[in-house]
Amino acid sequence: MIVVVTSSGVVLVMGGAGRQGSTVVRRLCEDGLPVRVLTDEPTSDETQALRQLGVELVHGSLDDRAFLDQALNGVDALFMVLDQTDAGPSGRLRRGKAIGDAAKQAGVQHVVYSAGTGSDHHIISCDRSNKIEDHLQELGLPLTVLRPVTIMEEIPWYWLNWLGREAVLATPYAATTRMPMICVDDVGGLAALAIAAPGQFRGRTIEIAGDRASMAEVADLLTQELHQAVRVTEVQVEGVFMLAETDEPSVDIPWLRSVYPELRTVSTWLALGGGLDLCRRALARQAV
């Protein structure tokens, strides 16, 4: 996803129908900014949801350099995340470099890149993030890199399952490993803040998280909130890797909360951020 802020305040989003992209769009709309969204799926449910937000929709391709040049002409700031699984590693790298080249040519004054390079991630999402980041740096673009860590929504999306009559968190992580985590809404909120307040973010690389918790602690929270015993089981998941520093306190959560006070912990995400509803629906779907 790419967000472009022009001097007139218009925000252009490329790929805003994705999970992170749609969250950024919503947060920018909540801030009262006029938003234009580029999508290659004009009739999808996600696109219809964006239309209901009142954004302007335009159709184009990230693989069309002429279109990128046209879209970036005269803009001031750019937000990008490349999480399209259809492109493959070489496609994501090609798109990232082309976007950077077009941004440089257009004289963009601030690039905010949401990179999949946290301490644990699906390889498919971050296999080229470092090379894209290097290219943006080499171009001399004024750059902010946001590095989201483990996404809290992975709990209902991937991990929470029934095993017979037991609810389990089936994850590739040891139960006692304390991991930094962040919810999707806070990724979008911090990205929107970086766009709106470049003075606090420009020139920085920031790992972003709202909490540090082990799978055992998450299971205890779910047991309490769901009124259903939840246990942890460690499984191997193809395409997911862990780095040795996962259990190290590398995220400055107090600073993040000082600039973004609504930053959620796992507990507040469950209680106030919609996480508990997502978990209930995940279990209900699997019980059918």
C-alpha atoms as a PDB file:
ATOM      1  CA  MET A   1       0.000   0.000   0.000  1.00  0.00           C
ATOM      2  CA  ILE A   2       1.174   3.518  -0.751  1.00  0.00           C
ATOM      3  CA  VAL A   3      -0.212   6.688   0.744  1.00  0.00           C
ATOM      4  CA  VAL A   4       0.635   9.978  -0.913  1.00  0.00           C
ATOM      5  CA  VAL A   5      -0.099  13.320   0.769  1.00  0.00           C
ATOM      6  CA  THR A   6      -0.215  16.304  -1.570  1.00  0.00           C
ATOM      7  CA  SER A   7       0.218  19.940  -0.589  1.00  0.00           C
ATOM      8  CA  SER A   8      -3.552  20.303  -0.817  1.00  0.00           C
ATOM      9  CA  GLY A   9      -3.976  17.624   1.869  1.00  0.00           C
ATOM     10  CA  VAL A  10      -5.240  14.897  -0.488  1.00  0.00           C
ATOM     11  CA  VAL A  11      -4.011  11.409   0.422  1.00  0.00           C
ATOM     12  CA  LEU A  12      -3.561   8.807  -2.302  1.00  0.00           C
ATOM     13  CA  VAL A  13      -3.524   5.177  -1.169  1.00  0.00           C
ATOM     14  CA  MET A  14      -2.347   2.381  -3.430  1.00  0.00           C
ATOM     15  CA  GLY A  15      -3.453  -1.043  -2.184  1.00  0.00           C
ATOM     16  CA  GLY A  16      -5.830   0.343   0.427  1.00  0.00           C
ATOM     17  CA  ALA A  17      -8.070  -2.718   0.225  1.00  0.00           C
ATOM     18  CA  GLY A  18      -5.519  -4.773   2.202  1.00  0.00           C
ATOM     19  CA  ARG A  19      -5.765  -5.234   5.968  1.00  0.00           C
ATOM     20  CA  GLN A  20      -3.110  -2.707   6.914  1.00  0.00           C
ATOM     21  CA  GLY A  21      -3.914  -0.391   4.036  1.00  0.00           C
ATOM     22  CA  SER A  22      -7.620  -0.176   4.785  1.00  0.00           C
ATOM     23  CA  THR A  23      -6.813   0.622   8.418  1.00  0.00           C
ATOM     24  CA  VAL A  24      -4.564   3.509   7.389  1.00  0.00           C
ATOM     25  CA  VAL A  25      -7.287   4.778   5.045  1.00  0.00           C
ATOM     26  CA  ARG A  26      -9.850   4.711   7.835  1.00  0.00           C
ATOM     27  CA  ARG A  27      -7.553   6.493  10.284  1.00  0.00           C
ATOM     28  CA  LEU A  28      -6.760   9.195   7.735  1.00  0.00           C
ATOM     29  CA  CYS A  29     -10.468   9.634   7.015  1.00  0.00           C
ATOM     30  CA  GLU A  30     -11.119   9.947  10.750  1.00  0.00           C
ATOM     31  CA  ASP A  31      -8.523  12.739  10.788  1.00  0.00           C
ATOM     32  CA  GLY A  32     -10.586  14.556   8.161  1.00  0.00           C
ATOM     33  CA  LEU A  33      -8.143  14.155   5.287  1.00  0.00           C
ATOM     34  CA  PRO A  34      -9.527  13.720   1.761  1.00  0.00           C
ATOM     35  CA  VAL A  35      -8.393  10.279   0.609  1.00  0.00           C
ATOM     36  CA  ARG A  36      -8.005   8.812  -2.854  1.00  0.00           C
ATOM     37  CA  VAL A  37      -7.463   5.048  -3.147  1.00  0.00           C
ATOM     38  CA  LEU A  38      -5.829   3.166  -5.986  1.00  0.00           C
ATOM     39  CA  THR A  39      -6.990  -0.428  -6.362  1.00  0.00           C
ATOM     40  CA  ASP A  40      -6.738  -3.155  -8.965  1.00  0.00           C
ATOM     41  CA  GLU A  41      -9.974  -4.804  -7.753  1.00  0.00           C
ATOM     42  CA  PRO A  42     -12.738  -2.237  -8.410  1.00  0.00           C
ATOM     43  CA  THR A  43     -15.620  -4.557  -7.511  1.00  0.00           C
ATOM     44  CA  SER A  44     -14.293  -6.404  -4.449  1.00  0.00           C
ATOM     45  CA  ASP A  45     -16.001  -6.325  -1.043  1.00  0.00           C
ATOM     46  CA  GLU A  46     -12.995  -4.477   0.366  1.00  0.00           C
ATOM     47  CA  THR A  47     -13.244  -1.830  -2.341  1.00  0.00           C
ATOM     48  CA  GLN A  48     -16.944  -1.386  -1.666  1.00  0.00           C
ATOM     49  CA  ALA A  49     -16.152  -0.852   2.011  1.00  0.00           C
ATOM     50  CA  LEU A  50     -13.652   1.852   1.066  1.00  0.00           C
ATOM     51  CA  ARG A  51     -16.255   3.524  -1.136  1.00  0.00           C
ATOM     52  CA  GLN A  52     -18.586   3.686   1.855  1.00  0.00           C
ATOM     53  CA  LEU A  53     -15.937   5.729   3.681  1.00  0.00           C
ATOM     54  CA  GLY A  54     -16.360   8.393   1.022  1.00  0.00           C
ATOM     55  CA  VAL A  55     -12.925   8.016  -0.538  1.00  0.00           C
ATOM     56  CA  GLU A  56     -12.238   8.595  -4.200  1.00  0.00           C
ATOM     57  CA  LEU A  57     -11.347   5.363  -6.019  1.00  0.00           C
ATOM     58  CA  VAL A  58      -8.981   5.158  -8.991  1.00  0.00           C
ATOM     59  CA  HIS A  59      -7.773   2.049 -10.792  1.00  0.00           C
ATOM     60  CA  GLY A  60      -4.198   1.259 -11.794  1.00  0.00           C
ATOM     61  CA  SER A  61      -1.265  -1.103 -11.353  1.00  0.00           C
ATOM     62  CA  LEU A  62       1.864  -0.993  -9.203  1.00  0.00           C
ATOM     63  CA  ASP A  63       3.675  -2.583 -12.164  1.00  0.00           C
ATOM     64  CA  ASP A  64       2.918   0.407 -14.436  1.00  0.00           C
ATOM     65  CA  ARG A  65       5.808   2.863 -13.979  1.00  0.00           C
ATOM     66  CA  ALA A  66       4.125   5.527 -16.103  1.00  0.00           C
ATOM     67  CA  PHE A  67       1.098   5.342 -13.841  1.00  0.00           C
ATOM     68  CA  LEU A  68       3.292   5.609 -10.718  1.00  0.00           C
ATOM     69  CA  ASP A  69       4.963   8.712 -12.165  1.00  0.00           C
ATOM     70  CA  GLN A  70       1.576  10.234 -12.841  1.00  0.00           C
ATOM     71  CA  ALA A  71       0.209   9.326  -9.405  1.00  0.00           C
ATOM     72  CA  LEU A  72       3.258  10.730  -7.561  1.00  0.00           C
ATOM     73  CA  ASN A  73       3.575  13.934  -9.549  1.00  0.00           C
ATOM     74  CA  GLY A  74       3.579  16.917  -7.187  1.00  0.00           C
ATOM     75  CA  VAL A  75       3.071  15.005  -3.928  1.00  0.00           C
ATOM     76  CA  ASP A  76       4.755  15.705  -0.595  1.00  0.00           C
ATOM     77  CA  ALA A  77       4.667  12.421   1.372  1.00  0.00           C
ATOM     78  CA  LEU A  78       4.413   8.710   0.670  1.00  0.00           C
ATOM     79  CA  PHE A  79       3.418   5.703   2.785  1.00  0.00           C
ATOM     80  CA  MET A  80       4.039   2.220   1.455  1.00  0.00           C
ATOM     81  CA  VAL A  81       3.650  -1.400   2.497  1.00  0.00           C
ATOM     82  CA  LEU A  82       4.167  -4.269   0.066  1.00  0.00           C
ATOM     83  CA  ASP A  83       2.230  -7.269   1.348  1.00  0.00           C
ATOM     84  CA  GLN A  84       0.759  -8.566  -1.900  1.00  0.00           C
ATOM     85  CA  THR A  85       1.403 -12.305  -1.949  1.00  0.00           C
ATOM     86  CA  ASP A  86       0.582 -12.573  -5.666  1.00  0.00           C
ATOM     87  CA  ALA A  87       3.735 -10.723  -6.727  1.00  0.00           C
ATOM     88  CA  GLY A  88       6.263 -13.155  -5.251  1.00  0.00           C
ATOM     89  CA  PRO A  89       9.667 -12.113  -3.871  1.00  0.00           C
ATOM     90  CA  SER A  90      11.034 -10.719  -7.144  1.00  0.00           C
ATOM     91  CA  GLY A  91       7.779  -8.885  -7.850  1.00  0.00           C
ATOM     92  CA  ARG A  92       7.729  -7.194  -4.439  1.00  0.00           C
ATOM     93  CA  LEU A  93      11.339  -6.112  -4.843  1.00  0.00           C
ATOM     94  CA  ARG A  94      10.673  -4.780  -8.346  1.00  0.00           C
ATOM     95  CA  ARG A  95       7.615  -2.852  -7.162  1.00  0.00           C
ATOM     96  CA  GLY A  96       9.403  -1.424  -4.148  1.00  0.00           C
ATOM     97  CA  LYS A  97      12.285  -0.146  -6.241  1.00  0.00           C
ATOM     98  CA  ALA A  98       9.976   1.307  -8.896  1.00  0.00           C
ATOM     99  CA  ILE A  99       7.926   3.124  -6.270  1.00  0.00           C
ATOM    100  CA  GLY A 100      11.090   4.543  -4.712  1.00  0.00           C
ATOM    101  CA  ASP A 101      12.425   5.651  -8.096  1.00  0.00           C
ATOM    102  CA  ALA A 102       9.130   7.354  -8.926  1.00  0.00           C
ATOM    103  CA  ALA A 103       9.031   9.038  -5.511  1.00  0.00           C
ATOM    104  CA  LYS A 104      12.561  10.360  -5.990  1.00  0.00           C
ATOM    105  CA  GLN A 105      11.749  11.697  -9.433  1.00  0.00           C
ATOM    106  CA  ALA A 106       8.595  13.347  -8.088  1.00  0.00           C
ATOM    107  CA  GLY A 107      10.481  15.096  -5.282  1.00  0.00           C
ATOM    108  CA  VAL A 108       8.535  13.441  -2.476  1.00  0.00           C
ATOM    109  CA  GLN A 109       9.549  15.030   0.841  1.00  0.00           C
ATOM    110  CA  HIS A 110       8.797  12.136   3.211  1.00  0.00           C
ATOM    111  CA  VAL A 111       8.516   8.385   2.636  1.00  0.00           C
ATOM    112  CA  VAL A 112       6.995   6.203   5.369  1.00  0.00           C
ATOM    113  CA  TYR A 113       7.710   2.528   4.693  1.00  0.00           C
ATOM    114  CA  SER A 114       5.993  -0.189   6.727  1.00  0.00           C
ATOM    115  CA  ALA A 115       8.479  -3.044   6.438  1.00  0.00           C
ATOM    116  CA  GLY A 116       7.881  -6.696   7.330  1.00  0.00           C
ATOM    117  CA  THR A 117      11.167  -7.056   9.187  1.00  0.00           C
ATOM    118  CA  GLY A 118      10.078  -7.597  12.767  1.00  0.00           C
ATOM    119  CA  SER A 119      11.562 -10.291  14.978  1.00  0.00           C
ATOM    120  CA  ASP A 120       9.144 -12.884  13.626  1.00  0.00           C
ATOM    121  CA  HIS A 121       7.191 -12.824  10.400  1.00  0.00           C
ATOM    122  CA  HIS A 122       5.977 -14.888   7.513  1.00  0.00           C
ATOM    123  CA  ILE A 123       8.892 -15.087   5.101  1.00  0.00           C
ATOM    124  CA  ILE A 124       6.532 -14.282   2.241  1.00  0.00           C
ATOM    125  CA  SER A 125       5.920 -10.827   3.739  1.00  0.00           C
ATOM    126  CA  CYS A 126       9.474  -9.765   4.494  1.00  0.00           C
ATOM    127  CA  ASP A 127      11.768 -11.663   2.167  1.00  0.00           C
ATOM    128  CA  ARG A 128      12.726  -8.485   0.282  1.00  0.00           C
ATOM    129  CA  SER A 129      11.990  -5.741   2.835  1.00  0.00           C
ATOM    130  CA  ASN A 130      15.626  -5.056   3.695  1.00  0.00           C
ATOM    131  CA  LYS A 131      16.611  -4.740   0.036  1.00  0.00           C
ATOM    132  CA  ILE A 132      13.722  -2.343  -0.604  1.00  0.00           C
ATOM    133  CA  GLU A 133      14.708  -0.300   2.444  1.00  0.00           C
ATOM    134  CA  ASP A 134      18.334  -0.202   1.245  1.00  0.00           C
ATOM    135  CA  HIS A 135      17.198   1.057  -2.152  1.00  0.00           C
ATOM    136  CA  LEU A 136      15.110   3.833  -0.598  1.00  0.00           C
ATOM    137  CA  GLN A 137      18.110   4.860   1.519  1.00  0.00           C
ATOM    138  CA  GLU A 138      20.445   4.814  -1.485  1.00  0.00           C
ATOM    139  CA  LEU A 139      18.095   7.142  -3.343  1.00  0.00           C
ATOM    140  CA  GLY A 140      18.494   9.687  -0.545  1.00  0.00           C
ATOM    141  CA  LEU A 141      14.773   9.899   0.128  1.00  0.00           C
ATOM    142  CA  PRO A 142      13.742  11.387   3.512  1.00  0.00           C
ATOM    143  CA  LEU A 143      12.640   8.113   5.085  1.00  0.00           C
ATOM    144  CA  THR A 144      10.791   6.720   8.081  1.00  0.00           C
ATOM    145  CA  VAL A 145      10.765   2.927   8.431  1.00  0.00           C
ATOM    146  CA  LEU A 146       8.081   1.387  10.643  1.00  0.00           C
ATOM    147  CA  ARG A 147       8.677  -2.258  11.553  1.00  0.00           C
ATOM    148  CA  PRO A 148       5.497  -3.866  12.895  1.00  0.00           C
ATOM    149  CA  VAL A 149       6.183  -6.882  15.090  1.00  0.00           C
ATOM    150  CA  THR A 150       3.829  -9.841  15.597  1.00  0.00           C
ATOM    151  CA  ILE A 151       0.273  -8.787  14.767  1.00  0.00           C
ATOM    152  CA  MET A 152      -2.288  -9.500  17.513  1.00  0.00           C
ATOM    153  CA  GLU A 153      -4.897 -10.386  14.901  1.00  0.00           C
ATOM    154  CA  GLU A 154      -2.844 -13.468  14.054  1.00  0.00           C
ATOM    155  CA  ILE A 155      -4.379 -14.977  17.202  1.00  0.00           C
ATOM    156  CA  PRO A 156      -7.871 -15.361  15.658  1.00  0.00           C
ATOM    157  CA  TRP A 157      -6.694 -15.455  12.044  1.00  0.00           C
ATOM    158  CA  TYR A 158      -4.250 -18.348  12.390  1.00  0.00           C
ATOM    159  CA  TRP A 159      -3.582 -19.642  15.896  1.00  0.00           C
ATOM    160  CA  LEU A 160      -6.835 -20.130  17.832  1.00  0.00           C
ATOM    161  CA  ASN A 161      -8.355 -23.493  16.981  1.00  0.00           C
ATOM    162  CA  TRP A 162     -10.368 -26.389  18.326  1.00  0.00           C
ATOM    163  CA  LEU A 163      -8.489 -29.606  18.984  1.00  0.00           C
ATOM    164  CA  GLY A 164     -11.273 -32.019  19.675  1.00  0.00           C
ATOM    165  CA  ARG A 165     -13.231 -30.270  22.407  1.00  0.00           C
ATOM    166  CA  GLU A 166     -10.247 -28.194  23.560  1.00  0.00           C
ATOM    167  CA  ALA A 167      -9.495 -24.623  22.481  1.00  0.00           C
ATOM    168  CA  VAL A 168      -5.798 -24.275  21.707  1.00  0.00           C
ATOM    169  CA  LEU A 169      -3.310 -21.649  20.570  1.00  0.00           C
ATOM    170  CA  ALA A 170      -1.321 -23.568  17.956  1.00  0.00           C
ATOM    171  CA  THR A 171       1.719 -21.371  17.257  1.00  0.00           C
ATOM    172  CA  PRO A 172       5.323 -21.828  16.099  1.00  0.00           C
ATOM    173  CA  TYR A 173       6.542 -20.165  19.306  1.00  0.00           C
ATOM    174  CA  ALA A 174       7.508 -21.597  22.660  1.00  0.00           C
ATOM    175  CA  ALA A 175       4.824 -20.954  25.275  1.00  0.00           C
ATOM    176  CA  THR A 176       7.152 -18.920  27.515  1.00  0.00           C
ATOM    177  CA  THR A 177       8.770 -16.752  24.819  1.00  0.00           C
ATOM    178  CA  ARG A 178       7.690 -13.161  25.483  1.00  0.00           C
ATOM    179  CA  MET A 179       7.073 -11.533  22.123  1.00  0.00           C
ATOM    180  CA  PRO A 180       6.402  -7.914  21.151  1.00  0.00           C
ATOM    181  CA  MET A 181       2.925  -7.602  19.638  1.00  0.00           C
ATOM    182  CA  ILE A 182       0.786  -4.884  18.031  1.00  0.00           C
ATOM    183  CA  CYS A 183      -2.759  -4.764  16.672  1.00  0.00           C
ATOM    184  CA  VAL A 184      -3.490  -3.782  13.074  1.00  0.00           C
ATOM    185  CA  ASP A 185      -5.401  -0.663  14.102  1.00  0.00           C
ATOM    186  CA  ASP A 186      -2.366   0.673  15.955  1.00  0.00           C
ATOM    187  CA  VAL A 187      -0.118  -0.013  12.962  1.00  0.00           C
ATOM    188  CA  GLY A 188      -2.491   2.146  10.932  1.00  0.00           C
ATOM    189  CA  GLY A 189      -2.716   4.776  13.641  1.00  0.00           C
ATOM    190  CA  LEU A 190       1.060   5.102  13.956  1.00  0.00           C
ATOM    191  CA  ALA A 191       1.445   5.227  10.176  1.00  0.00           C
ATOM    192  CA  ALA A 192      -1.148   8.002   9.962  1.00  0.00           C
ATOM    193  CA  LEU A 193       0.618   9.849  12.794  1.00  0.00           C
ATOM    194  CA  ALA A 194       3.970   9.570  10.997  1.00  0.00           C
ATOM    195  CA  ILE A 195       2.370  11.089   7.908  1.00  0.00           C
ATOM    196  CA  ALA A 196       0.724  13.906   9.890  1.00  0.00           C
ATOM    197  CA  ALA A 197       3.742  14.647  12.155  1.00  0.00           C
ATOM    198  CA  PRO A 198       6.861  14.052  10.045  1.00  0.00           C
ATOM    199  CA  GLY A 199       9.061  16.038  12.413  1.00  0.00           C
ATOM    200  CA  GLN A 200       8.784  13.279  15.046  1.00  0.00           C
ATOM    201  CA  PHE A 201       9.419  10.423  12.636  1.00  0.00           C
ATOM    202  CA  ARG A 202      11.466  11.487   9.608  1.00  0.00           C
ATOM    203  CA  GLY A 203      14.902   9.870   9.496  1.00  0.00           C
ATOM    204  CA  ARG A 204      14.034   7.140  12.031  1.00  0.00           C
ATOM    205  CA  THR A 205      13.704   3.359  11.886  1.00  0.00           C
ATOM    206  CA  ILE A 206      11.191   2.304  14.537  1.00  0.00           C
ATOM    207  CA  GLU A 207      10.092  -1.151  15.623  1.00  0.00           C
ATOM    208  CA  ILE A 208       6.469  -0.723  16.689  1.00  0.00           C
ATOM    209  CA  ALA A 209       4.626  -2.737  19.357  1.00  0.00           C
ATOM    210  CA  GLY A 210       2.036  -2.140  22.047  1.00  0.00           C
ATOM    211  CA  ASP A 211       2.809  -5.012  24.396  1.00  0.00           C
ATOM    212  CA  ARG A 212       5.162  -7.895  25.135  1.00  0.00           C
ATOM    213  CA  ALA A 213       3.478 -11.173  26.034  1.00  0.00           C
ATOM    214  CA  SER A 214       4.107 -14.906  25.896  1.00  0.00           C
ATOM    215  CA  MET A 215       1.698 -17.353  24.337  1.00  0.00           C
ATOM    216  CA  ALA A 216       1.062 -18.729  27.828  1.00  0.00           C
ATOM    217  CA  GLU A 217       0.024 -15.248  28.991  1.00  0.00           C
ATOM    218  CA  VAL A 218      -2.205 -14.809  25.944  1.00  0.00           C
ATOM    219  CA  ALA A 219      -3.823 -18.192  26.607  1.00  0.00           C
ATOM    220  CA  ASP A 220      -4.518 -17.151  30.213  1.00  0.00           C
ATOM    221  CA  LEU A 221      -6.183 -13.936  29.001  1.00  0.00           C
ATOM    222  CA  LEU A 222      -8.296 -15.863  26.496  1.00  0.00           C
ATOM    223  CA  THR A 223      -9.304 -18.404  29.145  1.00  0.00           C
ATOM    224  CA  GLN A 224     -10.511 -15.559  31.333  1.00  0.00           C
ATOM    225  CA  GLU A 225     -12.312 -13.586  28.628  1.00  0.00           C
ATOM    226  CA  LEU A 226     -13.811 -16.488  26.670  1.00  0.00           C
ATOM    227  CA  HIS A 227     -14.816 -18.448  29.790  1.00  0.00           C
ATOM    228  CA  GLN A 228     -13.286 -21.412  27.984  1.00  0.00           C
ATOM    229  CA  ALA A 229     -10.012 -23.118  28.853  1.00  0.00           C
ATOM    230  CA  VAL A 230      -7.354 -22.345  26.218  1.00  0.00           C
ATOM    231  CA  ARG A 231      -4.003 -24.121  26.182  1.00  0.00           C
ATOM    232  CA  VAL A 232      -0.854 -23.595  24.106  1.00  0.00           C
ATOM    233  CA  THR A 233       0.660 -26.088  21.706  1.00  0.00           C
ATOM    234  CA  GLU A 234       3.828 -25.467  19.698  1.00  0.00           C
ATOM    235  CA  VAL A 235       3.685 -26.443  16.019  1.00  0.00           C
ATOM    236  CA  GLN A 236       5.891 -25.965  12.993  1.00  0.00           C
ATOM    237  CA  VAL A 237       4.459 -23.605  10.381  1.00  0.00           C
ATOM    238  CA  GLU A 238       5.932 -23.522   6.897  1.00  0.00           C
ATOM    239  CA  GLY A 239       7.149 -20.072   5.888  1.00  0.00           C
ATOM    240  CA  VAL A 240       7.421 -18.661   9.409  1.00  0.00           C
ATOM    241  CA  PHE A 241      10.786 -17.995  11.017  1.00  0.00           C
ATOM    242  CA  MET A 242      11.969 -16.777  14.412  1.00  0.00           C
ATOM    243  CA  LEU A 243      15.027 -14.665  15.090  1.00  0.00           C
ATOM    244  CA  ALA A 244      17.149 -15.183  18.183  1.00  0.00           C
ATOM    245  CA  GLU A 245      16.437 -11.692  19.501  1.00  0.00           C
ATOM    246  CA  THR A 246      12.657 -12.223  19.646  1.00  0.00           C
ATOM    247  CA  ASP A 247      12.788 -12.445  23.438  1.00  0.00           C
ATOM    248  CA  GLU A 248      14.887  -9.280  23.810  1.00  0.00           C
ATOM    249  CA  PRO A 249      13.269  -5.933  24.813  1.00  0.00           C
ATOM    250  CA  SER A 250      14.075  -4.139  21.527  1.00  0.00           C
ATOM    251  CA  VAL A 251      10.906  -2.026  21.289  1.00  0.00           C
ATOM    252  CA  ASP A 252      10.571   1.342  23.040  1.00  0.00           C
ATOM    253  CA  ILE A 253       6.926   0.906  24.006  1.00  0.00           C
ATOM    254  CA  PRO A 254       6.930   3.793  26.543  1.00  0.00           C
ATOM    255  CA  TRP A 255       8.033   6.254  23.840  1.00  0.00           C
ATOM    256  CA  LEU A 256       5.462   4.918  21.386  1.00  0.00           C
ATOM    257  CA  ARG A 257       2.727   5.308  24.019  1.00  0.00           C
ATOM    258  CA  SER A 258       3.897   8.856  24.791  1.00  0.00           C
ATOM    259  CA  VAL A 259       3.306   9.929  21.171  1.00  0.00           C
ATOM    260  CA  TYR A 260       0.330   7.614  20.605  1.00  0.00           C
ATOM    261  CA  PRO A 261      -1.515   7.160  23.935  1.00  0.00           C
ATOM    262  CA  GLU A 262      -4.191   4.827  22.579  1.00  0.00           C
ATOM    263  CA  LEU A 263      -1.587   2.106  21.903  1.00  0.00           C
ATOM    264  CA  ARG A 264      -3.194  -1.192  22.986  1.00  0.00           C
ATOM    265  CA  THR A 265      -1.903  -4.059  25.060  1.00  0.00           C
ATOM    266  CA  VAL A 266      -3.162  -7.575  24.327  1.00  0.00           C
ATOM    267  CA  SER A 267      -5.625  -7.142  27.187  1.00  0.00           C
ATOM    268  CA  THR A 268      -7.038  -3.815  25.937  1.00  0.00           C
ATOM    269  CA  TRP A 269      -7.126  -5.117  22.364  1.00  0.00           C
ATOM    270  CA  LEU A 270      -9.286  -8.008  23.545  1.00  0.00           C
ATOM    271  CA  ALA A 271     -11.534  -5.837  25.709  1.00  0.00           C
ATOM    272  CA  LEU A 272     -11.777  -2.629  23.678  1.00  0.00           C
ATOM    273  CA  GLY A 273     -10.195  -3.189  20.279  1.00  0.00           C
ATOM    274  CA  GLY A 274     -12.446  -5.904  18.904  1.00  0.00           C
ATOM    275  CA  GLY A 275     -10.023  -8.740  19.560  1.00  0.00           C
ATOM    276  CA  LEU A 276     -12.370 -10.739  21.754  1.00  0.00           C
ATOM    277  CA  ASP A 277     -15.112 -10.639  19.123  1.00  0.00           C
ATOM    278  CA  LEU A 278     -12.644 -11.823  16.474  1.00  0.00           C
ATOM    279  CA  CYS A 279     -11.611 -14.734  18.720  1.00  0.00           C
ATOM    280  CA  ARG A 280     -15.207 -15.727  19.424  1.00  0.00           C
ATOM    281  CA  ARG A 281     -16.042 -15.674  15.724  1.00  0.00           C
ATOM    282  CA  ALA A 282     -12.931 -17.718  14.892  1.00  0.00           C
ATOM    283  CA  LEU A 283     -13.977 -20.465  17.303  1.00  0.00           C
ATOM    284  CA  ALA A 284     -17.585 -20.313  16.156  1.00  0.00           C
ATOM    285  CA  ARG A 285     -16.584 -20.771  12.503  1.00  0.00           C
ATOM    286  CA  GLN A 286     -14.443 -23.782  13.327  1.00  0.00           C
ATOM    287  CA  ALA A 287     -17.180 -25.362  15.421  1.00  0.00           C
ATOM    288  CA  VAL A 288     -19.571 -25.481  12.458  1.00  0.00           C
END
